[in-house]
Amino acid sequence: MKVSHPELPMNRIVPLILAVALFMEQMDSTVIATSLPAIAADLGVGPITLKLALTAYMVSLATFIPLSGWMADRFGAKRIFRLAILVFVAGSILCAVADSLLAFVVSRFLQGMGGAMMTPVARLVLVRSTSRSELVSAMALLTIPALVGPLAGPPLGGFITTYFSWHWIFLINVPVGIVGYILSGIYLPEIRAAAPPPLDWLGFFLSAVAASGTMFGLSVMSLPALPPAIGIVATVIGLVCGVLYVRHARRHPTPLLDLKLFRDSAFRAASIGGTLFRISIGAVPFLMPLMLQVGFGLTPFQSGLVTFTGAIGAITTKVIAKRVLTIAGFRTTLILASVFGAAFTFVNGLFTPTTPFWLIAGVLLIAGFVRSFFFTSVNALSFADIPDAEASKATSMSAVLQQISLAMGVAVAGAILEIETALTGSPLELRDFQIAFMVISAITLLAALPFLTMAKNAGASVSGHRMAGEEEETIAVK
């Protein structure tokens, strides 16, 4: 069911409202990274221990994202999205007033609950309220906060902590959330699917443990606030529950995360290719600031300013995404974006302290453009051939895969650095980061493989791309 307002250009207003809310959520997931020492000092704990707050946020996301699609169908996507904003703002306020480690971790978990509903439900609202021909342009707007937020978070967090107080990192979410809540109430369409089947409770339990266990384990191994053994055990438990969920989903008539979605070739290619590419998205923001600080001797704020140039490249995608996809189609565009994404990730491994900062910024600028182009395309492709009735299931599945792949990116990057230091027996140095970037670039290149087997006209109803033969046939018919 699609609802539009006769007086307003919904295809522009709806994505902008959703994008602002998602920017708040995406930025907050990384904004505390540079502020951990200040927060830890106030709470009386060590910075490493406080990384449990980062882990709690990701575990909360992984736990509740599978539930988001069912809740949107059951109670209405607009209502759940607005509720998610309120939960996120409440968690932000509690984070700002927290006076102990336990209170801060619980508050971050509550924030994650809001974020878990906000991201997939926003994409669901967009898919159900936007015509297929406008989906690429709408997804371009929605992709920007996903890429800009993680890049803007560290420098903004460092600036606020340095010149104001870390509490404002969370308090600035309050006015943004209030505005988003009001505007979403006015402009978002009322979207209610047919009554969904009863909740698959066993599926929810297995998927929640699988996703959160994997996320928690990977986070602990990459950000060792706890002994690595705990991370390994949690990851194994998560993988076992994942296998059990697959068996359950094949037998259940209406599973929470429907594996039948992968029968659609476009959704399958977008999911596999997107997961591989997102490993780079998770790894690069982790590796680059560390390399600039450890290898180049920059301050956290300086390194944040350098990496932020990638956000500018991400914003420019909106201008030409639809036109390029109309000309080249999803298959060609995504293959080229994967190759160029891998190439620019590899180039990061060639930087040295003597490399001019304007050149580094230029490379990051183009890399941001390529990554944004990839995700605008792959997000639109995911829903190109999915019926509206299945859109809620597709958003939940996509969101789970995204969160796990981003965590895998950080974990893989951290593991590479750990292996390098173990082999050399010396502290981190520039060479370790260079090797890590080159390994990550090889993984990024693998993202092109799923699209090689995809039909050249896949997702044409969304991209508007038409093959030469089809155009001639259309002319002949006329």
Foldseek 3Di string as FASTA:
>chain_A
DADADPPDPLLPLLLQLLQLLLLLLLLLLAQCVQVLCVVCVQQVHHSLLLCLLSLLLLLLLQQCLLVQLLCCQAPNLLVLQLVLLVQLLQLLLQCLPDNHSVSNSVSSSSNSPSSSNSQLSSLLLSLRHDALQSLLLSLLSNLLSNQLSNLLRQLVSVVCVVPPNNSVSSVVSNVSSVVSSVSSVVGRDTDHHPNDDPAPVLLSVLSSQLLSLLLSLLSCLLSVSDPNVSSVVSNVRSVVSVVVSVVVLVPDPDHSQHPCLCVPLLLVLLLQLVLLQLLQVLQCSVLQLCCCCFAQVDDSNVSSVLLSLLSQLSSVLSVCLLVVCQAQNLLVLLLVLLLVLLVLLLVVLVDHNPPDSVVSSVSSSNNSNSVNSNSSSSSSSNCLPPDSNCSSSSSSVSSSSSSSSSSSSSSQLSVQLVVVCVVVVDHDYSNSSSVSSNVSSVSSNCSSVSSVPDDSCRSCSNSVHDDPVRVVVVVVVD
